[in-house]
């Protein structure tokens, strides 16, 4: 099953563009966009994993899916790490919960719950 595509959260605050999904090793790459970060709107390169389970009737969904998005500029002024995990509930919809760690240079980390969101394929 090819899971490539653009998935957007119901509130429009998050976007996941899955590219190069590889069924043989359950990996994907792509881009993640978050509207609200301490640095404003940001785009991140992502790596992710997805796994089938034994569903009734041989259905490929739901399946388990997750990814991480990390940004640390070359000057190391800060590091942002968003991590999401959840399930692909259909071939056009992913339900995930996210968390963010933001660490400014010389400061302490701000850990934020990004909530549970439905990402629909556009």
PDB file of N, CA and C in Angstrom:
ATOM      1  N   UNK A   1       0.845  -1.180   0.000  1.00  0.00           N
ATOM      2  CA  UNK A   1       0.000   0.000   0.000  1.00  0.00           C
ATOM      3  C   UNK A   1       0.890   1.241   0.000  1.00  0.00           C
ATOM      4  N   UNK A   2       0.560   2.172  -0.849  1.00  0.00           N
ATOM      5  CA  UNK A   2       1.289   3.429  -0.932  1.00  0.00           C
ATOM      6  C   UNK A   2       0.596   4.445  -0.022  1.00  0.00           C
ATOM      7  N   UNK A   3       1.317   4.983   0.969  1.00  0.00           N
ATOM      8  CA  UNK A   3       0.725   5.978   1.871  1.00  0.00           C
ATOM      9  C   UNK A   3       1.182   7.395   1.539  1.00  0.00           C
ATOM     10  N   UNK A   4       1.913   7.571   0.424  1.00  0.00           N
ATOM     11  CA  UNK A   4       2.375   8.905   0.038  1.00  0.00           C
ATOM     12  C   UNK A   4       1.199   9.861  -0.137  1.00  0.00           C
ATOM     13  N   UNK A   5       1.427  11.117   0.221  1.00  0.00           N
ATOM     14  CA  UNK A   5       0.410  12.144   0.040  1.00  0.00           C
ATOM     15  C   UNK A   5       0.578  13.261   1.041  1.00  0.00           C
ATOM     16  N   UNK A   6      -0.285  14.254   0.924  1.00  0.00           N
ATOM     17  CA  UNK A   6      -0.300  15.402   1.821  1.00  0.00           C
ATOM     18  C   UNK A   6      -1.483  15.265   2.762  1.00  0.00           C
ATOM     19  N   UNK A   7      -1.195  15.267   4.057  1.00  0.00           N
ATOM     20  CA  UNK A   7      -2.211  15.118   5.100  1.00  0.00           C
ATOM     21  C   UNK A   7      -2.214  16.392   5.939  1.00  0.00           C
ATOM     22  N   UNK A   8      -3.398  16.974   6.147  1.00  0.00           N
ATOM     23  CA  UNK A   8      -3.518  18.245   6.857  1.00  0.00           C
ATOM     24  C   UNK A   8      -4.439  18.065   8.061  1.00  0.00           C
ATOM     25  N   UNK A   9      -4.015  18.613   9.219  1.00  0.00           N
ATOM     26  CA  UNK A   9      -4.833  18.511  10.434  1.00  0.00           C
ATOM     27  C   UNK A   9      -6.137  19.283  10.254  1.00  0.00           C
ATOM     28  N   UNK A  10      -7.149  18.878  11.033  1.00  0.00           N
ATOM     29  CA  UNK A  10      -8.478  19.477  10.903  1.00  0.00           C
ATOM     30  C   UNK A  10      -8.473  20.980  11.167  1.00  0.00           C
ATOM     31  N   UNK A  11      -7.542  21.475  11.977  1.00  0.00           N
ATOM     32  CA  UNK A  11      -7.473  22.906  12.262  1.00  0.00           C
ATOM     33  C   UNK A  11      -6.516  23.652  11.331  1.00  0.00           C
ATOM     34  N   UNK A  12      -5.836  22.914  10.449  1.00  0.00           N
ATOM     35  CA  UNK A  12      -4.919  23.531   9.487  1.00  0.00           C
ATOM     36  C   UNK A  12      -3.581  23.931  10.078  1.00  0.00           C
ATOM     37  N   UNK A  13      -3.330  23.613  11.345  1.00  0.00           N
ATOM     38  CA  UNK A  13      -2.086  24.028  11.993  1.00  0.00           C
ATOM     39  C   UNK A  13      -0.893  23.137  11.668  1.00  0.00           C
ATOM     40  N   UNK A  14      -1.159  21.917  11.191  1.00  0.00           N
ATOM     41  CA  UNK A  14      -0.091  20.950  10.920  1.00  0.00           C
ATOM     42  C   UNK A  14      -0.311  20.297   9.559  1.00  0.00           C
ATOM     43  N   UNK A  15       0.796  20.027   8.874  1.00  0.00           N
ATOM     44  CA  UNK A  15       0.733  19.356   7.578  1.00  0.00           C
ATOM     45  C   UNK A  15       1.860  18.332   7.514  1.00  0.00           C
ATOM     46  N   UNK A  16       1.526  17.144   7.059  1.00  0.00           N
ATOM     47  CA  UNK A  16       2.514  16.086   6.872  1.00  0.00           C
ATOM     48  C   UNK A  16       2.490  15.671   5.407  1.00  0.00           C
ATOM     49  N   UNK A  17       3.633  15.813   4.757  1.00  0.00           N
ATOM     50  CA  UNK A  17       3.767  15.377   3.368  1.00  0.00           C
ATOM     51  C   UNK A  17       4.619  14.113   3.388  1.00  0.00           C
ATOM     52  N   UNK A  18       3.979  12.980   3.139  1.00  0.00           N
ATOM     53  CA  UNK A  18       4.680  11.696   3.124  1.00  0.00           C
ATOM     54  C   UNK A  18       5.170  11.433   1.709  1.00  0.00           C
ATOM     55  N   UNK A  19       6.471  11.158   1.604  1.00  0.00           N
ATOM     56  CA  UNK A  19       7.094  10.845   0.318  1.00  0.00           C
ATOM     57  C   UNK A  19       7.936   9.599   0.474  1.00  0.00           C
ATOM     58  N   UNK A  20       8.085   8.885  -0.597  1.00  0.00           N
ATOM     59  CA  UNK A  20       8.981   7.724  -0.635  1.00  0.00           C
ATOM     60  C   UNK A  20       8.648   6.675   0.415  1.00  0.00           C
ATOM     61  N   UNK A  21       7.348   6.430   0.647  1.00  0.00           N
ATOM     62  CA  UNK A  21       6.989   5.368   1.583  1.00  0.00           C
ATOM     63  C   UNK A  21       7.455   4.036   0.997  1.00  0.00           C
ATOM     64  N   UNK A  22       8.061   3.225   1.835  1.00  0.00           N
ATOM     65  CA  UNK A  22       8.665   1.969   1.403  1.00  0.00           C
ATOM     66  C   UNK A  22       8.013   0.826   2.188  1.00  0.00           C
ATOM     67  N   UNK A  23       7.179   0.071   1.518  1.00  0.00           N
ATOM     68  CA  UNK A  23       6.440  -0.992   2.186  1.00  0.00           C
ATOM     69  C   UNK A  23       7.356  -2.115   2.656  1.00  0.00           C
ATOM     70  N   UNK A  24       8.467  -2.334   1.987  1.00  0.00           N
ATOM     71  CA  UNK A  24       9.336  -3.460   2.355  1.00  0.00           C
ATOM     72  C   UNK A  24      10.039  -3.258   3.695  1.00  0.00           C
ATOM     73  N   UNK A  25      10.321  -1.997   4.068  1.00  0.00           N
ATOM     74  CA  UNK A  25      10.953  -1.769   5.374  1.00  0.00           C
ATOM     75  C   UNK A  25      10.148  -0.814   6.260  1.00  0.00           C
ATOM     76  N   UNK A  26       8.928  -0.504   5.857  1.00  0.00           N
ATOM     77  CA  UNK A  26       7.982   0.304   6.645  1.00  0.00           C
ATOM     78  C   UNK A  26       8.522   1.675   7.027  1.00  0.00           C
ATOM     79  N   UNK A  27       9.189   2.351   6.100  1.00  0.00           N
ATOM     80  CA  UNK A  27       9.728   3.688   6.370  1.00  0.00           C
ATOM     81  C   UNK A  27       9.151   4.703   5.397  1.00  0.00           C
ATOM     82  N   UNK A  28       9.251   5.970   5.777  1.00  0.00           N
ATOM     83  CA  UNK A  28       8.922   7.047   4.854  1.00  0.00           C
ATOM     84  C   UNK A  28       9.735   8.279   5.209  1.00  0.00           C
ATOM     85  N   UNK A  29       9.846   9.173   4.257  1.00  0.00           N
ATOM     86  CA  UNK A  29      10.456  10.474   4.456  1.00  0.00           C
ATOM     87  C   UNK A  29       9.433  11.520   4.100  1.00  0.00           C
ATOM     88  N   UNK A  30       9.835  12.761   4.158  1.00  0.00           N
ATOM     89  CA  UNK A  30       8.920  13.808   3.755  1.00  0.00           C
ATOM     90  C   UNK A  30       9.154  15.107   4.476  1.00  0.00           C
ATOM     91  N   UNK A  31       8.088  15.889   4.575  1.00  0.00           N
ATOM     92  CA  UNK A  31       8.141  17.220   5.152  1.00  0.00           C
ATOM     93  C   UNK A  31       6.975  17.390   6.114  1.00  0.00           C
ATOM     94  N   UNK A  32       7.239  18.070   7.206  1.00  0.00           N
ATOM     95  CA  UNK A  32       6.229  18.386   8.212  1.00  0.00           C
ATOM     96  C   UNK A  32       6.241  19.899   8.388  1.00  0.00           C
ATOM     97  N   UNK A  33       5.065  20.500   8.411  1.00  0.00           N
ATOM     98  CA  UNK A  33       4.944  21.947   8.594  1.00  0.00           C
ATOM     99  C   UNK A  33       4.091  22.204   9.828  1.00  0.00           C
ATOM    100  N   UNK A  34       4.602  23.060  10.716  1.00  0.00           N
ATOM    101  CA  UNK A  34       3.859  23.477  11.902  1.00  0.00           C
ATOM    102  C   UNK A  34       3.706  24.992  11.857  1.00  0.00           C
ATOM    103  N   UNK A  35       2.475  25.458  11.973  1.00  0.00           N
ATOM    104  CA  UNK A  35       2.190  26.895  11.908  1.00  0.00           C
ATOM    105  C   UNK A  35       2.693  27.607  13.166  1.00  0.00           C
ATOM    106  N   UNK A  36       2.500  26.973  14.332  1.00  0.00           N
ATOM    107  CA  UNK A  36       2.809  27.625  15.607  1.00  0.00           C
ATOM    108  C   UNK A  36       4.009  26.961  16.280  1.00  0.00           C
ATOM    109  N   UNK A  37       5.186  27.560  16.129  1.00  0.00           N
ATOM    110  CA  UNK A  37       6.369  27.133  16.873  1.00  0.00           C
ATOM    111  C   UNK A  37       6.959  28.388  17.506  1.00  0.00           C
ATOM    112  N   UNK A  38       7.861  28.233  18.452  1.00  0.00           N
ATOM    113  CA  UNK A  38       8.508  29.435  19.014  1.00  0.00           C
ATOM    114  C   UNK A  38       9.223  30.275  17.950  1.00  0.00           C
ATOM    115  N   UNK A  39       9.534  29.673  16.805  1.00  0.00           N
ATOM    116  CA  UNK A  39      10.198  30.393  15.718  1.00  0.00           C
ATOM    117  C   UNK A  39       9.215  30.829  14.626  1.00  0.00           C
ATOM    118  N   UNK A  40       7.913  30.669  14.869  1.00  0.00           N
ATOM    119  CA  UNK A  40       6.905  30.958  13.845  1.00  0.00           C
ATOM    120  C   UNK A  40       6.661  29.714  12.997  1.00  0.00           C
ATOM    121  N   UNK A  41       6.120  29.906  11.817  1.00  0.00           N
ATOM    122  CA  UNK A  41       5.852  28.776  10.921  1.00  0.00           C
ATOM    123  C   UNK A  41       7.171  28.140  10.509  1.00  0.00           C
ATOM    124  N   UNK A  42       7.257  26.789  10.658  1.00  0.00           N
ATOM    125  CA  UNK A  42       8.479  26.081  10.297  1.00  0.00           C
ATOM    126  C   UNK A  42       8.171  24.837   9.479  1.00  0.00           C
ATOM    127  N   UNK A  43       9.096  24.515   8.587  1.00  0.00           N
ATOM    128  CA  UNK A  43       9.067  23.257   7.835  1.00  0.00           C
ATOM    129  C   UNK A  43      10.234  22.404   8.289  1.00  0.00           C
ATOM    130  N   UNK A  44       9.990  21.118   8.478  1.00  0.00           N
ATOM    131  CA  UNK A  44      10.990  20.177   8.958  1.00  0.00           C
ATOM    132  C   UNK A  44      11.075  18.994   8.003  1.00  0.00           C
ATOM    133  N   UNK A  45      12.254  18.448   7.809  1.00  0.00           N
ATOM    134  CA  UNK A  45      12.387  17.139   7.171  1.00  0.00           C
ATOM    135  C   UNK A  45      11.991  16.092   8.198  1.00  0.00           C
ATOM    136  N   UNK A  46      11.329  15.037   7.753  1.00  0.00           N
ATOM    137  CA  UNK A  46      10.888  13.999   8.681  1.00  0.00           C
ATOM    138  C   UNK A  46      11.331  12.620   8.222  1.00  0.00           C
ATOM    139  N   UNK A  47      11.450  11.742   9.194  1.00  0.00           N
ATOM    140  CA  UNK A  47      11.575  10.312   8.948  1.00  0.00           C
ATOM    141  C   UNK A  47      10.499   9.637   9.774  1.00  0.00           C
ATOM    142  N   UNK A  48       9.912   8.607   9.222  1.00  0.00           N
ATOM    143  CA  UNK A  48       8.827   7.947   9.928  1.00  0.00           C
ATOM    144  C   UNK A  48       8.790   6.459   9.678  1.00  0.00           C
ATOM    145  N   UNK A  49       7.945   5.792  10.465  1.00  0.00           N
ATOM    146  CA  UNK A  49       7.746   4.342  10.374  1.00  0.00           C
ATOM    147  C   UNK A  49       6.246   4.064  10.350  1.00  0.00           C
ATOM    148  N   UNK A  50       5.869   2.959   9.735  1.00  0.00           N
ATOM    149  CA  UNK A  50       4.477   2.516   9.732  1.00  0.00           C
ATOM    150  C   UNK A  50       4.457   1.004   9.706  1.00  0.00           C
ATOM    151  N   UNK A  51       3.463   0.436  10.393  1.00  0.00           N
ATOM    152  CA  UNK A  51       3.406  -1.020  10.557  1.00  0.00           C
ATOM    153  C   UNK A  51       1.986  -1.535  10.406  1.00  0.00           C
ATOM    154  N   UNK A  52       1.854  -2.611   9.627  1.00  0.00           N
ATOM    155  CA  UNK A  52       0.580  -3.323   9.507  1.00  0.00           C
ATOM    156  C   UNK A  52       0.382  -4.217  10.717  1.00  0.00           C
ATOM    157  N   UNK A  53      -0.874  -4.550  10.984  1.00  0.00           N
ATOM    158  CA  UNK A  53      -1.221  -5.574  11.965  1.00  0.00           C
ATOM    159  C   UNK A  53      -2.189  -6.540  11.278  1.00  0.00           C
ATOM    160  N   UNK A  54      -2.501  -7.644  11.923  1.00  0.00           N
ATOM    161  CA  UNK A  54      -3.426  -8.632  11.352  1.00  0.00           C
ATOM    162  C   UNK A  54      -4.864  -8.162  11.545  1.00  0.00           C
ATOM    163  N   UNK A  55      -5.381  -7.440  10.565  1.00  0.00           N
ATOM    164  CA  UNK A  55      -6.753  -6.943  10.613  1.00  0.00           C
ATOM    165  C   UNK A  55      -7.711  -7.967  10.017  1.00  0.00           C
ATOM    166  N   UNK A  56      -8.961  -7.981  10.486  1.00  0.00           N
ATOM    167  CA  UNK A  56      -9.959  -8.903   9.931  1.00  0.00           C
ATOM    168  C   UNK A  56     -10.126  -8.706   8.428  1.00  0.00           C
ATOM    169  N   UNK A  57     -10.280  -9.796   7.720  1.00  0.00           N
ATOM    170  CA  UNK A  57     -10.499  -9.725   6.277  1.00  0.00           C
ATOM    171  C   UNK A  57      -9.281  -9.315   5.481  1.00  0.00           C
ATOM    172  N   UNK A  58      -8.115  -9.255   6.124  1.00  0.00           N
ATOM    173  CA  UNK A  58      -6.895  -8.891   5.417  1.00  0.00           C
ATOM    174  C   UNK A  58      -6.756  -7.408   5.105  1.00  0.00           C
ATOM    175  N   UNK A  59      -7.578  -6.567   5.727  1.00  0.00           N
ATOM    176  CA  UNK A  59      -7.491  -5.128   5.495  1.00  0.00           C
ATOM    177  C   UNK A  59      -6.130  -4.594   5.933  1.00  0.00           C
ATOM    178  N   UNK A  60      -5.596  -3.649   5.175  1.00  0.00           N
ATOM    179  CA  UNK A  60      -4.294  -3.061   5.504  1.00  0.00           C
ATOM    180  C   UNK A  60      -4.397  -1.933   6.528  1.00  0.00           C
ATOM    181  N   UNK A  61      -5.595  -1.418   6.742  1.00  0.00           N
ATOM    182  CA  UNK A  61      -5.794  -0.371   7.746  1.00  0.00           C
ATOM    183  C   UNK A  61      -6.800  -0.856   8.770  1.00  0.00           C
ATOM    184  N   UNK A  62      -6.743  -0.468  10.026  1.00  0.00           N
ATOM    185  CA  UNK A  62      -5.805   0.543  10.496  1.00  0.00           C
ATOM    186  C   UNK A  62      -4.379   0.012  10.574  1.00  0.00           C
ATOM    187  N   UNK A  63      -3.433   0.940  10.557  1.00  0.00           N
ATOM    188  CA  UNK A  63      -2.021   0.608  10.745  1.00  0.00           C
ATOM    189  C   UNK A  63      -1.393   1.624  11.678  1.00  0.00           C
ATOM    190  N   UNK A  64      -0.308   1.236  12.313  1.00  0.00           N
ATOM    191  CA  UNK A  64       0.399   2.097  13.255  1.00  0.00           C
ATOM    192  C   UNK A  64       1.372   2.987  12.489  1.00  0.00           C
ATOM    193  N   UNK A  65       1.442   4.267  12.876  1.00  0.00           N
ATOM    194  CA  UNK A  65       2.308   5.206  12.152  1.00  0.00           C
ATOM    195  C   UNK A  65       2.876   6.242  13.121  1.00  0.00           C
ATOM    196  N   UNK A  66       4.092   6.701  12.856  1.00  0.00           N
ATOM    197  CA  UNK A  66       4.698   7.738  13.672  1.00  0.00           C
ATOM    198  C   UNK A  66       5.874   8.379  12.962  1.00  0.00           C
ATOM    199  N   UNK A  67       6.238   9.591  13.415  1.00  0.00           N
ATOM    200  CA  UNK A  67       7.396  10.268  12.821  1.00  0.00           C
ATOM    201  C   UNK A  67       7.976  11.278  13.798  1.00  0.00           C
ATOM    202  N   UNK A  68       9.218  11.668  13.534  1.00  0.00           N
ATOM    203  CA  UNK A  68       9.867  12.735  14.284  1.00  0.00           C
ATOM    204  C   UNK A  68      10.314  13.824  13.313  1.00  0.00           C
ATOM    205  N   UNK A  69      10.273  15.052  13.799  1.00  0.00           N
ATOM    206  CA  UNK A  69      10.705  16.221  13.035  1.00  0.00           C
ATOM    207  C   UNK A  69      11.636  17.026  13.933  1.00  0.00           C
ATOM    208  N   UNK A  70      12.852  17.269  13.460  1.00  0.00           N
ATOM    209  CA  UNK A  70      13.865  17.929  14.287  1.00  0.00           C
ATOM    210  C   UNK A  70      14.467  19.110  13.535  1.00  0.00           C
ATOM    211  N   UNK A  71      14.646  20.222  14.246  1.00  0.00           N
ATOM    212  CA  UNK A  71      15.319  21.383  13.677  1.00  0.00           C
ATOM    213  C   UNK A  71      16.298  21.942  14.698  1.00  0.00           C
ATOM    214  N   UNK A  72      17.557  22.031  14.287  1.00  0.00           N
ATOM    215  CA  UNK A  72      18.579  22.715  15.081  1.00  0.00           C
ATOM    216  C   UNK A  72      19.464  23.451  14.084  1.00  0.00           C
ATOM    217  N   UNK A  73      19.368  24.790  14.044  1.00  0.00           N
ATOM    218  CA  UNK A  73      20.180  25.553  13.096  1.00  0.00           C
ATOM    219  C   UNK A  73      21.677  25.332  13.328  1.00  0.00           C
ATOM    220  N   UNK A  74      22.476  25.635  12.313  1.00  0.00           N
ATOM    221  CA  UNK A  74      23.922  25.415  12.394  1.00  0.00           C
ATOM    222  C   UNK A  74      24.562  26.210  13.525  1.00  0.00           C
ATOM    223  N   UNK A  75      23.977  27.339  13.898  1.00  0.00           N
ATOM    224  CA  UNK A  75      24.498  28.136  15.007  1.00  0.00           C
ATOM    225  C   UNK A  75      24.068  27.629  16.371  1.00  0.00           C
ATOM    226  N   UNK A  76      23.248  26.603  16.378  1.00  0.00           N
ATOM    227  CA  UNK A  76      22.774  25.941  17.600  1.00  0.00           C
ATOM    228  C   UNK A  76      22.089  26.903  18.573  1.00  0.00           C
ATOM    229  N   UNK A  77      21.303  27.838  18.035  1.00  0.00           N
ATOM    230  CA  UNK A  77      20.576  28.781  18.878  1.00  0.00           C
ATOM    231  C   UNK A  77      19.426  28.123  19.625  1.00  0.00           C
ATOM    232  N   UNK A  78      18.904  27.046  19.079  1.00  0.00           N
ATOM    233  CA  UNK A  78      17.785  26.327  19.678  1.00  0.00           C
ATOM    234  C   UNK A  78      17.678  24.950  19.028  1.00  0.00           C
ATOM    235  N   UNK A  79      16.878  24.108  19.636  1.00  0.00           N
ATOM    236  CA  UNK A  79      16.537  22.812  19.034  1.00  0.00           C
ATOM    237  C   UNK A  79      15.044  22.587  19.250  1.00  0.00           C
ATOM    238  N   UNK A  80      14.367  22.230  18.189  1.00  0.00           N
ATOM    239  CA  UNK A  80      12.945  21.896  18.246  1.00  0.00           C
ATOM    240  C   UNK A  80      12.784  20.453  17.801  1.00  0.00           C
ATOM    241  N   UNK A  81      12.061  19.670  18.586  1.00  0.00           N
ATOM    242  CA  UNK A  81      11.772  18.292  18.216  1.00  0.00           C
ATOM    243  C   UNK A  81      10.286  18.037  18.428  1.00  0.00           C
ATOM    244  N   UNK A  82       9.589  17.728  17.339  1.00  0.00           N
ATOM    245  CA  UNK A  82       8.190  17.316  17.408  1.00  0.00           C
ATOM    246  C   UNK A  82       8.136  15.821  17.119  1.00  0.00           C
ATOM    247  N   UNK A  83       7.356  15.090  17.887  1.00  0.00           N
ATOM    248  CA  UNK A  83       7.171  13.653  17.680  1.00  0.00           C
ATOM    249  C   UNK A  83       5.674  13.357  17.664  1.00  0.00           C
ATOM    250  N   UNK A  84       5.257  12.551  16.699  1.00  0.00           N
ATOM    251  CA  UNK A  84       3.846  12.207  16.534  1.00  0.00           C
ATOM    252  C   UNK A  84       3.712  10.689  16.418  1.00  0.00           C
ATOM    253  N   UNK A  85       2.642  10.145  16.991  1.00  0.00           N
ATOM    254  CA  UNK A  85       2.347   8.720  16.889  1.00  0.00           C
ATOM    255  C   UNK A  85       0.838   8.538  16.843  1.00  0.00           C
ATOM    256  N   UNK A  86       0.417   7.501  16.128  1.00  0.00           N
ATOM    257  CA  UNK A  86      -1.013   7.234  16.054  1.00  0.00           C
ATOM    258  C   UNK A  86      -1.330   6.109  15.102  1.00  0.00           C
ATOM    259  N   UNK A  87      -2.486   6.244  14.447  1.00  0.00           N
ATOM    260  CA  UNK A  87      -2.921   5.199  13.532  1.00  0.00           C
ATOM    261  C   UNK A  87      -3.485   5.799  12.259  1.00  0.00           C
ATOM    262  N   UNK A  88      -3.223   5.128  11.153  1.00  0.00           N
ATOM    263  CA  UNK A  88      -3.887   5.456   9.906  1.00  0.00           C
ATOM    264  C   UNK A  88      -5.215   4.715   9.957  1.00  0.00           C
ATOM    265  N   UNK A  89      -6.306   5.455  10.130  1.00  0.00           N
ATOM    266  CA  UNK A  89      -7.617   4.839  10.329  1.00  0.00           C
ATOM    267  C   UNK A  89      -8.276   4.462   9.009  1.00  0.00           C
ATOM    268  N   UNK A  90      -7.858   5.091   7.925  1.00  0.00           N
ATOM    269  CA  UNK A  90      -8.303   4.741   6.581  1.00  0.00           C
ATOM    270  C   UNK A  90      -7.183   5.174   5.636  1.00  0.00           C
ATOM    271  N   UNK A  91      -7.329   4.881   4.367  1.00  0.00           N
ATOM    272  CA  UNK A  91      -6.271   5.263   3.427  1.00  0.00           C
ATOM    273  C   UNK A  91      -6.223   6.764   3.183  1.00  0.00           C
ATOM    274  N   UNK A  92      -7.158   7.510   3.791  1.00  0.00           N
ATOM    275  CA  UNK A  92      -7.177   8.962   3.615  1.00  0.00           C
ATOM    276  C   UNK A  92      -7.182   9.729   4.932  1.00  0.00           C
ATOM    277  N   UNK A  93      -6.983   9.046   6.069  1.00  0.00           N
ATOM    278  CA  UNK A  93      -7.087   9.728   7.357  1.00  0.00           C
ATOM    279  C   UNK A  93      -6.136   9.115   8.391  1.00  0.00           C
ATOM    280  N   UNK A  94      -5.415   9.995   9.097  1.00  0.00           N
ATOM    281  CA  UNK A  94      -4.479   9.576  10.146  1.00  0.00           C
ATOM    282  C   UNK A  94      -4.858  10.303  11.434  1.00  0.00           C
ATOM    283  N   UNK A  95      -4.995   9.552  12.531  1.00  0.00           N
ATOM    284  CA  UNK A  95      -5.254  10.137  13.851  1.00  0.00           C
ATOM    285  C   UNK A  95      -3.966  10.026  14.654  1.00  0.00           C
ATOM    286  N   UNK A  96      -3.417  11.171  15.088  1.00  0.00           N
ATOM    287  CA  UNK A  96      -2.146  11.162  15.802  1.00  0.00           C
ATOM    288  C   UNK A  96      -2.165  12.128  16.982  1.00  0.00           C
ATOM    289  N   UNK A  97      -1.296  11.840  17.941  1.00  0.00           N
ATOM    290  CA  UNK A  97      -1.048  12.726  19.073  1.00  0.00           C
ATOM    291  C   UNK A  97       0.395  13.191  18.994  1.00  0.00           C
ATOM    292  N   UNK A  98       0.624  14.490  19.272  1.00  0.00           N
ATOM    293  CA  UNK A  98       1.969  15.035  19.155  1.00  0.00           C
ATOM    294  C   UNK A  98       2.472  15.665  20.432  1.00  0.00           C
ATOM    295  N   UNK A  99       3.800  15.725  20.520  1.00  0.00           N
ATOM    296  CA  UNK A  99       4.471  16.386  21.634  1.00  0.00           C
ATOM    297  C   UNK A  99       5.673  17.153  21.079  1.00  0.00           C
ATOM    298  N   UNK A 100       5.986  18.279  21.707  1.00  0.00           N
ATOM    299  CA  UNK A 100       7.124  19.100  21.264  1.00  0.00           C
ATOM    300  C   UNK A 100       8.071  19.353  22.422  1.00  0.00           C
ATOM    301  N   UNK A 101       9.361  19.302  22.106  1.00  0.00           N
ATOM    302  CA  UNK A 101      10.406  19.756  23.010  1.00  0.00           C
ATOM    303  C   UNK A 101      11.114  20.906  22.309  1.00  0.00           C
ATOM    304  N   UNK A 102      11.115  22.074  22.950  1.00  0.00           N
ATOM    305  CA  UNK A 102      11.815  23.238  22.416  1.00  0.00           C
ATOM    306  C   UNK A 102      12.844  23.669  23.447  1.00  0.00           C
ATOM    307  N   UNK A 103      14.105  23.718  23.030  1.00  0.00           N
ATOM    308  CA  UNK A 103      15.192  24.070  23.939  1.00  0.00           C
ATOM    309  C   UNK A 103      15.988  25.235  23.353  1.00  0.00           C
ATOM    310  N   UNK A 104      15.853  26.438  23.935  1.00  0.00           N
ATOM    311  CA  UNK A 104      16.673  27.557  23.479  1.00  0.00           C
ATOM    312  C   UNK A 104      18.070  27.468  24.095  1.00  0.00           C
ATOM    313  N   UNK A 105      19.062  28.013  23.403  1.00  0.00           N
ATOM    314  CA  UNK A 105      20.425  28.024  23.945  1.00  0.00           C
ATOM    315  C   UNK A 105      20.433  28.747  25.281  1.00  0.00           C
ATOM    316  N   UNK A 106      21.057  28.125  26.269  1.00  0.00           N
ATOM    317  CA  UNK A 106      21.168  28.727  27.585  1.00  0.00           C
ATOM    318  C   UNK A 106      19.890  28.723  28.401  1.00  0.00           C
ATOM    319  N   UNK A 107      18.853  28.079  27.884  1.00  0.00           N
ATOM    320  CA  UNK A 107      17.574  28.080  28.599  1.00  0.00           C
ATOM    321  C   UNK A 107      17.177  26.691  29.044  1.00  0.00           C
ATOM    322  N   UNK A 108      15.953  26.566  29.464  1.00  0.00           N
ATOM    323  CA  UNK A 108      15.435  25.250  29.827  1.00  0.00           C
ATOM    324  C   UNK A 108      14.345  24.860  28.831  1.00  0.00           C
ATOM    325  N   UNK A 109      14.131  23.564  28.697  1.00  0.00           N
ATOM    326  CA  UNK A 109      13.213  23.040  27.685  1.00  0.00           C
ATOM    327  C   UNK A 109      11.765  23.385  28.007  1.00  0.00           C
ATOM    328  N   UNK A 110      11.036  23.649  26.958  1.00  0.00           N
ATOM    329  CA  UNK A 110       9.589  23.829  27.031  1.00  0.00           C
ATOM    330  C   UNK A 110       8.979  22.601  26.371  1.00  0.00           C
ATOM    331  N   UNK A 111       8.294  21.764  27.155  1.00  0.00           N
ATOM    332  CA  UNK A 111       7.673  20.546  26.644  1.00  0.00           C
ATOM    333  C   UNK A 111       6.184  20.828  26.465  1.00  0.00           C
ATOM    334  N   UNK A 112       5.671  20.634  25.265  1.00  0.00           N
ATOM    335  CA  UNK A 112       4.300  20.995  24.936  1.00  0.00           C
ATOM    336  C   UNK A 112       3.543  19.819  24.346  1.00  0.00           C
ATOM    337  N   UNK A 113       2.328  19.608  24.819  1.00  0.00           N
ATOM    338  CA  UNK A 113       1.418  18.623  24.230  1.00  0.00           C
ATOM    339  C   UNK A 113       0.752  19.284  23.024  1.00  0.00           C
ATOM    340  N   UNK A 114       0.956  18.727  21.837  1.00  0.00           N
ATOM    341  CA  UNK A 114       0.370  19.294  20.630  1.00  0.00           C
ATOM    342  C   UNK A 114      -1.057  18.807  20.393  1.00  0.00           C
ATOM    343  N   UNK A 115      -1.511  17.886  21.229  1.00  0.00           N
ATOM    344  CA  UNK A 115      -2.885  17.410  21.133  1.00  0.00           C
ATOM    345  C   UNK A 115      -3.055  16.257  20.163  1.00  0.00           C
ATOM    346  N   UNK A 116      -4.273  15.767  20.123  1.00  0.00           N
ATOM    347  CA  UNK A 116      -4.661  14.704  19.189  1.00  0.00           C
ATOM    348  C   UNK A 116      -5.395  15.341  18.032  1.00  0.00           C
ATOM    349  N   UNK A 117      -4.978  15.002  16.823  1.00  0.00           N
ATOM    350  CA  UNK A 117      -5.545  15.609  15.621  1.00  0.00           C
ATOM    351  C   UNK A 117      -5.821  14.549  14.569  1.00  0.00           C
ATOM    352  N   UNK A 118      -6.803  14.841  13.737  1.00  0.00           N
ATOM    353  CA  UNK A 118      -7.097  14.028  12.556  1.00  0.00           C
ATOM    354  C   UNK A 118      -6.472  14.738  11.363  1.00  0.00           C
ATOM    355  N   UNK A 119      -5.582  14.029  10.665  1.00  0.00           N
ATOM    356  CA  UNK A 119      -4.949  14.539   9.448  1.00  0.00           C
ATOM    357  C   UNK A 119      -5.630  13.879   8.263  1.00  0.00           C
ATOM    358  N   UNK A 120      -6.274  14.679   7.415  1.00  0.00           N
ATOM    359  CA  UNK A 120      -6.955  14.146   6.236  1.00  0.00           C
ATOM    360  C   UNK A 120      -6.116  14.364   4.997  1.00  0.00           C
ATOM    361  N   UNK A 121      -6.145  13.383   4.111  1.00  0.00           N
ATOM    362  CA  UNK A 121      -5.383  13.455   2.860  1.00  0.00           C
ATOM    363  C   UNK A 121      -6.050  14.468   1.931  1.00  0.00           C
ATOM    364  N   UNK A 122      -5.242  15.327   1.353  1.00  0.00           N
ATOM    365  CA  UNK A 122      -5.752  16.365   0.419  1.00  0.00           C
ATOM    366  C   UNK A 122      -5.356  16.035  -0.984  1.00  0.00           C
TER     367      UNK A 122
END
